Amino acid sequence: MTACPFLLIVASVFSQQPELPPFVKQHSRTVMYYYRSPDPTLGPKLLKEFLKPENVSHPWFNGKEHVLLLNGALFGDMVAGKPKLVREFEAAFADTSVNGRRVVIRALFHCGDKDTIPHVAAWLKDEKNAALRDELTALQKHLEDPKRKNVRDRAAREPRDLDFLWANFFITGEYAPISRILDVFDQPAKGNEVMQRVARWSLDSNMQEHPKLVELLKNHLKDRPEASRKVVESMLNPAP
């Protein structure tokens, strides 16, 4: 992977391509700028809409499982720390397709709590979820780990991690996920070329769309290590 799928979705929406799923056309701007007017109750509503067959089973998603999961991450970040809303996510698991259940599982990676664990155990025992056993086992292990980390709490290891970090920024509007993206530039360049290229491209794209991002970069510039600071400075003050 050499580009951020969610950003590609947004670009597609802006060009109004007719083959896109209805959800992508109708709600991508809402999700991309969620932090401007956060409303956690939107989480279950958007999840319910996304799980409709015309969305989650749309042919456009064929071969794009990561994009499906990325939507789950966005919904999960919206309701993290809101137990009543998490219960609505759990309730959505039973009445959707296999791909829809994958979206719910990904969402619960971001928002699930101790009360989610019994649900996961029950889903694992249900033979109709046999195709999801690996994902459910991973979710169970994640939720049972008292030291579990959100994507923004650990180093980005591959381009898809950058996607999840951007998703977290779109929902929270916070510096923490941006800091992890910038950390990529403080790693040795050798063997890290793709990550640095994707990080720079995605930063440049989002700086054009999000004044909030530019503000965060300026506010934290002096605290960055030399390598990432130089990258940010060059992007904030491009050569003529």
C-alpha atoms as a PDB file:
ATOM      1  CA  MET A   1       0.000   0.000   0.000  1.00  0.00           C
ATOM      2  CA  THR A   2       1.415   3.358  -0.955  1.00  0.00           C
ATOM      3  CA  ALA A   3      -1.426   5.769  -0.200  1.00  0.00           C
ATOM      4  CA  CYS A   4      -4.029   6.340   2.485  1.00  0.00           C
ATOM      5  CA  PRO A   5      -7.324   4.702   1.417  1.00  0.00           C
ATOM      6  CA  PHE A   6      -9.548   7.018   3.430  1.00  0.00           C
ATOM      7  CA  LEU A   7      -8.025  10.051   1.802  1.00  0.00           C
ATOM      8  CA  LEU A   8      -8.578   8.423  -1.553  1.00  0.00           C
ATOM      9  CA  ILE A   9     -12.226   7.924  -0.628  1.00  0.00           C
ATOM     10  CA  VAL A  10     -12.568  11.604   0.202  1.00  0.00           C
ATOM     11  CA  ALA A  11     -10.940  12.569  -3.081  1.00  0.00           C
ATOM     12  CA  SER A  12     -13.386  10.303  -4.884  1.00  0.00           C
ATOM     13  CA  VAL A  13     -16.330  11.862  -3.087  1.00  0.00           C
ATOM     14  CA  PHE A  14     -15.226  15.345  -4.023  1.00  0.00           C
ATOM     15  CA  SER A  15     -15.205  14.241  -7.666  1.00  0.00           C
ATOM     16  CA  GLN A  16     -18.684  12.707  -7.236  1.00  0.00           C
ATOM     17  CA  GLN A  17     -17.913   9.403  -8.898  1.00  0.00           C
ATOM     18  CA  PRO A  18     -21.267   7.662  -9.469  1.00  0.00           C
ATOM     19  CA  GLU A  19     -20.048   4.157  -8.581  1.00  0.00           C
ATOM     20  CA  LEU A  20     -19.290   5.009  -4.947  1.00  0.00           C
ATOM     21  CA  PRO A  21     -21.452   3.553  -2.140  1.00  0.00           C
ATOM     22  CA  PRO A  22     -24.230   5.905  -0.973  1.00  0.00           C
ATOM     23  CA  PHE A  23     -22.686   6.201   2.489  1.00  0.00           C
ATOM     24  CA  VAL A  24     -19.398   7.468   1.099  1.00  0.00           C
ATOM     25  CA  LYS A  25     -21.145  10.108  -0.993  1.00  0.00           C
ATOM     26  CA  GLN A  26     -23.422  11.261   1.815  1.00  0.00           C
ATOM     27  CA  HIS A  27     -21.282  11.120   4.937  1.00  0.00           C
ATOM     28  CA  SER A  28     -17.568  11.386   4.145  1.00  0.00           C
ATOM     29  CA  ARG A  29     -17.433  15.130   4.809  1.00  0.00           C
ATOM     30  CA  THR A  30     -19.245  14.637   8.119  1.00  0.00           C
ATOM     31  CA  VAL A  31     -16.719  12.033   9.193  1.00  0.00           C
ATOM     32  CA  MET A  32     -13.652  13.853   7.884  1.00  0.00           C
ATOM     33  CA  TYR A  33     -14.556  16.985   9.846  1.00  0.00           C
ATOM     34  CA  TYR A  34     -16.261  15.297  12.796  1.00  0.00           C
ATOM     35  CA  TYR A  35     -13.951  16.943  15.348  1.00  0.00           C
ATOM     36  CA  ARG A  36     -15.399  20.360  14.485  1.00  0.00           C
ATOM     37  CA  SER A  37     -18.784  19.424  15.923  1.00  0.00           C
ATOM     38  CA  PRO A  38     -18.468  16.121  17.789  1.00  0.00           C
ATOM     39  CA  ASP A  39     -21.644  14.227  18.603  1.00  0.00           C
ATOM     40  CA  PRO A  40     -21.031  10.666  19.875  1.00  0.00           C
ATOM     41  CA  THR A  41     -24.659   9.713  19.212  1.00  0.00           C
ATOM     42  CA  LEU A  42     -23.786   9.885  15.525  1.00  0.00           C
ATOM     43  CA  GLY A  43     -21.593   6.803  15.999  1.00  0.00           C
ATOM     44  CA  PRO A  44     -24.391   4.208  16.201  1.00  0.00           C
ATOM     45  CA  LYS A  45     -26.434   6.055  13.571  1.00  0.00           C
ATOM     46  CA  LEU A  46     -23.584   6.106  11.065  1.00  0.00           C
ATOM     47  CA  LEU A  47     -22.684   2.497  11.831  1.00  0.00           C
ATOM     48  CA  LYS A  48     -26.291   1.427  11.235  1.00  0.00           C
ATOM     49  CA  GLU A  49     -26.323   3.296   7.924  1.00  0.00           C
ATOM     50  CA  PHE A  50     -22.986   1.859   6.845  1.00  0.00           C
ATOM     51  CA  LEU A  51     -24.122  -1.708   7.608  1.00  0.00           C
ATOM     52  CA  LYS A  52     -27.004  -1.484   5.154  1.00  0.00           C
ATOM     53  CA  PRO A  53     -26.418  -3.905   2.218  1.00  0.00           C
ATOM     54  CA  GLU A  54     -26.230  -1.091  -0.321  1.00  0.00           C
ATOM     55  CA  ASN A  55     -23.198   0.197   1.577  1.00  0.00           C
ATOM     56  CA  VAL A  56     -21.262  -2.581   3.282  1.00  0.00           C
ATOM     57  CA  SER A  57     -21.887  -5.002   0.404  1.00  0.00           C
ATOM     58  CA  HIS A  58     -21.339  -2.478  -2.379  1.00  0.00           C
ATOM     59  CA  PRO A  59     -19.070  -3.811  -5.157  1.00  0.00           C
ATOM     60  CA  TRP A  60     -16.790  -0.799  -4.741  1.00  0.00           C
ATOM     61  CA  PHE A  61     -15.508  -2.370  -1.516  1.00  0.00           C
ATOM     62  CA  ASN A  62     -14.422  -5.581  -3.251  1.00  0.00           C
ATOM     63  CA  GLY A  63     -10.721  -5.970  -2.585  1.00  0.00           C
ATOM     64  CA  LYS A  64     -10.815  -3.017  -0.171  1.00  0.00           C
ATOM     65  CA  GLU A  65     -11.215  -4.776   3.183  1.00  0.00           C
ATOM     66  CA  HIS A  66      -8.869  -2.280   4.817  1.00  0.00           C
ATOM     67  CA  VAL A  67     -11.231   0.539   3.836  1.00  0.00           C
ATOM     68  CA  LEU A  68     -14.123  -1.321   5.442  1.00  0.00           C
ATOM     69  CA  LEU A  69     -12.128  -1.683   8.654  1.00  0.00           C
ATOM     70  CA  LEU A  70     -11.092   1.950   8.523  1.00  0.00           C
ATOM     71  CA  ASN A  71     -14.745   2.959   8.673  1.00  0.00           C
ATOM     72  CA  GLY A  72     -15.155   0.733  11.716  1.00  0.00           C
ATOM     73  CA  ALA A  73     -12.244   2.539  13.368  1.00  0.00           C
ATOM     74  CA  LEU A  74     -13.859   5.915  12.681  1.00  0.00           C
ATOM     75  CA  PHE A  75     -17.159   4.838  14.250  1.00  0.00           C
ATOM     76  CA  GLY A  76     -15.384   3.254  17.212  1.00  0.00           C
ATOM     77  CA  ASP A  77     -13.360   6.384  17.938  1.00  0.00           C
ATOM     78  CA  MET A  78     -16.598   8.378  18.012  1.00  0.00           C
ATOM     79  CA  VAL A  79     -18.040   6.404  20.929  1.00  0.00           C
ATOM     80  CA  ALA A  80     -14.896   5.446  22.865  1.00  0.00           C
ATOM     81  CA  GLY A  81     -15.590   5.888  26.570  1.00  0.00           C
ATOM     82  CA  LYS A  82     -19.383   5.966  26.054  1.00  0.00           C
ATOM     83  CA  PRO A  83     -20.629   2.582  27.411  1.00  0.00           C
ATOM     84  CA  LYS A  84     -24.287   3.022  26.411  1.00  0.00           C
ATOM     85  CA  LEU A  85     -23.286   3.694  22.823  1.00  0.00           C
ATOM     86  CA  VAL A  86     -20.826   0.785  22.829  1.00  0.00           C
ATOM     87  CA  ARG A  87     -23.757  -1.483  23.719  1.00  0.00           C
ATOM     88  CA  GLU A  88     -25.480  -0.328  20.522  1.00  0.00           C
ATOM     89  CA  PHE A  89     -22.415  -1.345  18.527  1.00  0.00           C
ATOM     90  CA  GLU A  90     -22.464  -4.808  20.100  1.00  0.00           C
ATOM     91  CA  ALA A  91     -26.166  -5.155  19.287  1.00  0.00           C
ATOM     92  CA  ALA A  92     -25.445  -4.433  15.614  1.00  0.00           C
ATOM     93  CA  PHE A  93     -23.204  -7.508  15.288  1.00  0.00           C
ATOM     94  CA  ALA A  94     -25.929 -10.138  14.988  1.00  0.00           C
ATOM     95  CA  ASP A  95     -27.974  -8.694  12.146  1.00  0.00           C
ATOM     96  CA  THR A  96     -25.385  -7.911   9.512  1.00  0.00           C
ATOM     97  CA  SER A  97     -23.251  -9.696   6.932  1.00  0.00           C
ATOM     98  CA  VAL A  98     -19.808 -11.193   7.502  1.00  0.00           C
ATOM     99  CA  ASN A  99     -18.204  -8.009   6.220  1.00  0.00           C
ATOM    100  CA  GLY A 100     -20.519  -5.980   8.419  1.00  0.00           C
ATOM    101  CA  ARG A 101     -19.407  -7.997  11.421  1.00  0.00           C
ATOM    102  CA  ARG A 102     -15.807  -7.296  10.509  1.00  0.00           C
ATOM    103  CA  VAL A 103     -16.621  -3.577  10.610  1.00  0.00           C
ATOM    104  CA  VAL A 104     -18.209  -3.973  14.058  1.00  0.00           C
ATOM    105  CA  ILE A 105     -15.206  -5.954  15.312  1.00  0.00           C
ATOM    106  CA  ARG A 106     -12.851  -3.209  14.152  1.00  0.00           C
ATOM    107  CA  ALA A 107     -15.026  -0.587  15.838  1.00  0.00           C
ATOM    108  CA  LEU A 108     -14.919  -2.537  19.093  1.00  0.00           C
ATOM    109  CA  PHE A 109     -11.121  -2.626  18.947  1.00  0.00           C
ATOM    110  CA  HIS A 110     -11.382   1.139  19.425  1.00  0.00           C
ATOM    111  CA  CYS A 111     -14.303   1.443  21.830  1.00  0.00           C
ATOM    112  CA  GLY A 112     -14.951  -1.952  23.424  1.00  0.00           C
ATOM    113  CA  ASP A 113     -14.764  -2.300  27.218  1.00  0.00           C
ATOM    114  CA  LYS A 114     -14.917  -5.027  29.869  1.00  0.00           C
ATOM    115  CA  ASP A 115     -18.615  -5.564  29.197  1.00  0.00           C
ATOM    116  CA  THR A 116     -17.829  -6.323  25.561  1.00  0.00           C
ATOM    117  CA  ILE A 117     -15.741  -9.381  26.481  1.00  0.00           C
ATOM    118  CA  PRO A 118     -18.689 -11.728  27.258  1.00  0.00           C
ATOM    119  CA  HIS A 119     -20.264 -10.817  23.924  1.00  0.00           C
ATOM    120  CA  VAL A 120     -17.063 -11.699  22.086  1.00  0.00           C
ATOM    121  CA  ALA A 121     -16.856 -15.019  23.943  1.00  0.00           C
ATOM    122  CA  ALA A 122     -20.421 -15.846  22.872  1.00  0.00           C
ATOM    123  CA  TRP A 123     -19.728 -14.884  19.264  1.00  0.00           C
ATOM    124  CA  LEU A 124     -16.700 -17.155  19.250  1.00  0.00           C
ATOM    125  CA  LYS A 125     -18.881 -20.113  20.263  1.00  0.00           C
ATOM    126  CA  ASP A 126     -21.359 -19.487  17.442  1.00  0.00           C
ATOM    127  CA  GLU A 127     -20.516 -21.574  14.368  1.00  0.00           C
ATOM    128  CA  LYS A 128     -21.943 -18.964  12.025  1.00  0.00           C
ATOM    129  CA  ASN A 129     -18.971 -16.808  13.017  1.00  0.00           C
ATOM    130  CA  ALA A 130     -16.401 -19.468  12.084  1.00  0.00           C
ATOM    131  CA  ALA A 131     -14.971 -17.268   9.314  1.00  0.00           C
ATOM    132  CA  LEU A 132     -14.367 -14.543  11.883  1.00  0.00           C
ATOM    133  CA  ARG A 133     -12.661 -16.668  14.516  1.00  0.00           C
ATOM    134  CA  ASP A 134      -9.227 -15.094  14.061  1.00  0.00           C
ATOM    135  CA  GLU A 135     -10.596 -11.547  14.226  1.00  0.00           C
ATOM    136  CA  LEU A 136     -12.758 -12.317  17.252  1.00  0.00           C
ATOM    137  CA  THR A 137      -9.896 -14.038  19.050  1.00  0.00           C
ATOM    138  CA  ALA A 138      -7.691 -11.019  18.426  1.00  0.00           C
ATOM    139  CA  LEU A 139     -10.437  -8.703  19.733  1.00  0.00           C
ATOM    140  CA  GLN A 140     -10.875 -10.836  22.841  1.00  0.00           C
ATOM    141  CA  LYS A 141      -7.136 -10.805  23.535  1.00  0.00           C
ATOM    142  CA  HIS A 142      -7.020  -7.044  22.987  1.00  0.00           C
ATOM    143  CA  LEU A 143      -9.901  -6.298  25.355  1.00  0.00           C
ATOM    144  CA  GLU A 144      -8.571  -8.616  28.063  1.00  0.00           C
ATOM    145  CA  ASP A 145      -5.171  -6.932  28.019  1.00  0.00           C
ATOM    146  CA  PRO A 146      -5.036  -4.337  30.836  1.00  0.00           C
ATOM    147  CA  LYS A 147      -2.148  -2.653  29.017  1.00  0.00           C
ATOM    148  CA  ARG A 148      -3.839  -2.549  25.608  1.00  0.00           C
ATOM    149  CA  LYS A 149      -2.908   0.404  23.451  1.00  0.00           C
ATOM    150  CA  ASN A 150      -4.851   2.521  21.017  1.00  0.00           C
ATOM    151  CA  VAL A 151      -3.257   3.119  17.632  1.00  0.00           C
ATOM    152  CA  ARG A 152      -2.205   6.576  18.836  1.00  0.00           C
ATOM    153  CA  ASP A 153      -0.381   5.054  21.794  1.00  0.00           C
ATOM    154  CA  ARG A 154       2.167   3.088  19.780  1.00  0.00           C
ATOM    155  CA  ALA A 155       4.575   3.599  16.920  1.00  0.00           C
ATOM    156  CA  ALA A 156       3.218   3.330  13.357  1.00  0.00           C
ATOM    157  CA  ARG A 157       4.759   0.258  11.732  1.00  0.00           C
ATOM    158  CA  GLU A 158       3.130   0.179   8.284  1.00  0.00           C
ATOM    159  CA  PRO A 159       1.178   2.529   5.999  1.00  0.00           C
ATOM    160  CA  ARG A 160      -2.191   1.236   7.196  1.00  0.00           C
ATOM    161  CA  ASP A 161      -1.292   2.421  10.700  1.00  0.00           C
ATOM    162  CA  LEU A 162      -1.069   5.929   9.259  1.00  0.00           C
ATOM    163  CA  ASP A 163      -4.615   5.530   7.933  1.00  0.00           C
ATOM    164  CA  PHE A 164      -5.897   4.673  11.404  1.00  0.00           C
ATOM    165  CA  LEU A 165      -3.992   7.616  12.876  1.00  0.00           C
ATOM    166  CA  TRP A 166      -5.601   9.988  10.392  1.00  0.00           C
ATOM    167  CA  ALA A 167      -8.982   8.492  11.208  1.00  0.00           C
ATOM    168  CA  ASN A 168      -8.348   9.211  14.882  1.00  0.00           C
ATOM    169  CA  PHE A 169      -7.430  12.806  14.059  1.00  0.00           C
ATOM    170  CA  PHE A 170     -10.590  13.286  11.992  1.00  0.00           C
ATOM    171  CA  ILE A 171     -12.629  12.239  15.014  1.00  0.00           C
ATOM    172  CA  THR A 172     -10.678  13.853  17.867  1.00  0.00           C
ATOM    173  CA  GLY A 173      -8.913  16.812  16.255  1.00  0.00           C
ATOM    174  CA  GLU A 174      -6.052  16.134  18.668  1.00  0.00           C
ATOM    175  CA  TYR A 175      -2.279  16.240  18.320  1.00  0.00           C
ATOM    176  CA  ALA A 176      -1.591  12.726  19.670  1.00  0.00           C
ATOM    177  CA  PRO A 177      -2.258  10.860  16.393  1.00  0.00           C
ATOM    178  CA  ILE A 178      -0.413  13.544  14.421  1.00  0.00           C
ATOM    179  CA  SER A 179       2.592  13.131  16.705  1.00  0.00           C
ATOM    180  CA  ARG A 180       2.760   9.435  15.812  1.00  0.00           C
ATOM    181  CA  ILE A 181       2.675  10.290  12.118  1.00  0.00           C
ATOM    182  CA  LEU A 182       5.499  12.781  12.571  1.00  0.00           C
ATOM    183  CA  ASP A 183       7.527  10.164  14.473  1.00  0.00           C
ATOM    184  CA  VAL A 184       7.968   8.364  11.146  1.00  0.00           C
ATOM    185  CA  PHE A 185      10.391  11.094  10.047  1.00  0.00           C
ATOM    186  CA  ASP A 186      12.524  10.595  13.151  1.00  0.00           C
ATOM    187  CA  GLN A 187      13.233   6.979  12.229  1.00  0.00           C
ATOM    188  CA  PRO A 188      16.204   5.982  10.044  1.00  0.00           C
ATOM    189  CA  ALA A 189      15.401   6.684   6.399  1.00  0.00           C
ATOM    190  CA  LYS A 190      16.837   3.397   5.130  1.00  0.00           C
ATOM    191  CA  GLY A 191      14.071   0.828   4.932  1.00  0.00           C
ATOM    192  CA  ASN A 192      11.541   3.462   5.921  1.00  0.00           C
ATOM    193  CA  GLU A 193      11.152   5.200   2.571  1.00  0.00           C
ATOM    194  CA  VAL A 194       7.557   4.155   1.889  1.00  0.00           C
ATOM    195  CA  MET A 195       6.357   5.168   5.348  1.00  0.00           C
ATOM    196  CA  GLN A 196       8.012   8.555   5.059  1.00  0.00           C
ATOM    197  CA  ARG A 197       6.641   9.123   1.576  1.00  0.00           C
ATOM    198  CA  VAL A 198       3.093   8.244   2.628  1.00  0.00           C
ATOM    199  CA  ALA A 199       3.364  10.308   5.805  1.00  0.00           C
ATOM    200  CA  ARG A 200       4.534  13.359   3.895  1.00  0.00           C
ATOM    201  CA  TRP A 201       1.906  12.991   1.177  1.00  0.00           C
ATOM    202  CA  SER A 202      -0.901  12.589   3.686  1.00  0.00           C
ATOM    203  CA  LEU A 203       0.311  15.528   5.772  1.00  0.00           C
ATOM    204  CA  ASP A 204       0.448  17.748   2.722  1.00  0.00           C
ATOM    205  CA  SER A 205      -3.043  16.681   1.619  1.00  0.00           C
ATOM    206  CA  ASN A 206      -4.601  17.223   5.020  1.00  0.00           C
ATOM    207  CA  MET A 207      -2.884  20.529   5.700  1.00  0.00           C
ATOM    208  CA  GLN A 208      -4.813  21.865   2.721  1.00  0.00           C
ATOM    209  CA  GLU A 209      -8.109  20.663   4.156  1.00  0.00           C
ATOM    210  CA  HIS A 210      -7.655  21.187   7.894  1.00  0.00           C
ATOM    211  CA  PRO A 211      -6.548  24.545   9.333  1.00  0.00           C
ATOM    212  CA  LYS A 212      -6.699  22.797  12.699  1.00  0.00           C
ATOM    213  CA  LEU A 213      -3.858  20.524  11.585  1.00  0.00           C
ATOM    214  CA  VAL A 214      -1.707  23.497  10.570  1.00  0.00           C
ATOM    215  CA  GLU A 215      -2.388  25.083  13.962  1.00  0.00           C
ATOM    216  CA  LEU A 216      -1.345  21.919  15.805  1.00  0.00           C
ATOM    217  CA  LEU A 217       1.830  21.570  13.762  1.00  0.00           C
ATOM    218  CA  LYS A 218       2.828  25.160  14.526  1.00  0.00           C
ATOM    219  CA  ASN A 219       2.018  24.865  18.220  1.00  0.00           C
ATOM    220  CA  HIS A 220       4.118  21.721  18.685  1.00  0.00           C
ATOM    221  CA  LEU A 221       6.921  22.454  16.234  1.00  0.00           C
ATOM    222  CA  LYS A 222       9.468  23.465  18.872  1.00  0.00           C
ATOM    223  CA  ASP A 223       8.927  20.195  20.757  1.00  0.00           C
ATOM    224  CA  ARG A 224       9.715  17.933  17.794  1.00  0.00           C
ATOM    225  CA  PRO A 225      13.032  16.122  17.275  1.00  0.00           C
ATOM    226  CA  GLU A 226      15.233  17.636  14.588  1.00  0.00           C
ATOM    227  CA  ALA A 227      14.274  15.389  11.655  1.00  0.00           C
ATOM    228  CA  SER A 228      10.503  15.754  11.946  1.00  0.00           C
ATOM    229  CA  ARG A 229      10.849  19.438  12.828  1.00  0.00           C
ATOM    230  CA  LYS A 230      12.703  20.102   9.576  1.00  0.00           C
ATOM    231  CA  VAL A 231      10.044  18.258   7.586  1.00  0.00           C
ATOM    232  CA  VAL A 232       7.255  20.266   9.209  1.00  0.00           C
ATOM    233  CA  GLU A 233       9.140  23.533   8.717  1.00  0.00           C
ATOM    234  CA  SER A 234       9.591  22.774   5.021  1.00  0.00           C
ATOM    235  CA  MET A 235       5.876  22.065   4.665  1.00  0.00           C
ATOM    236  CA  LEU A 236       4.789  25.135   6.607  1.00  0.00           C
ATOM    237  CA  ASN A 237       7.174  27.342   4.646  1.00  0.00           C
ATOM    238  CA  PRO A 238       7.610  25.782   1.192  1.00  0.00           C
ATOM    239  CA  ALA A 239      10.327  27.147  -1.015  1.00  0.00           C
ATOM    240  CA  PRO A 240       9.045  29.512  -3.750  1.00  0.00           C
END
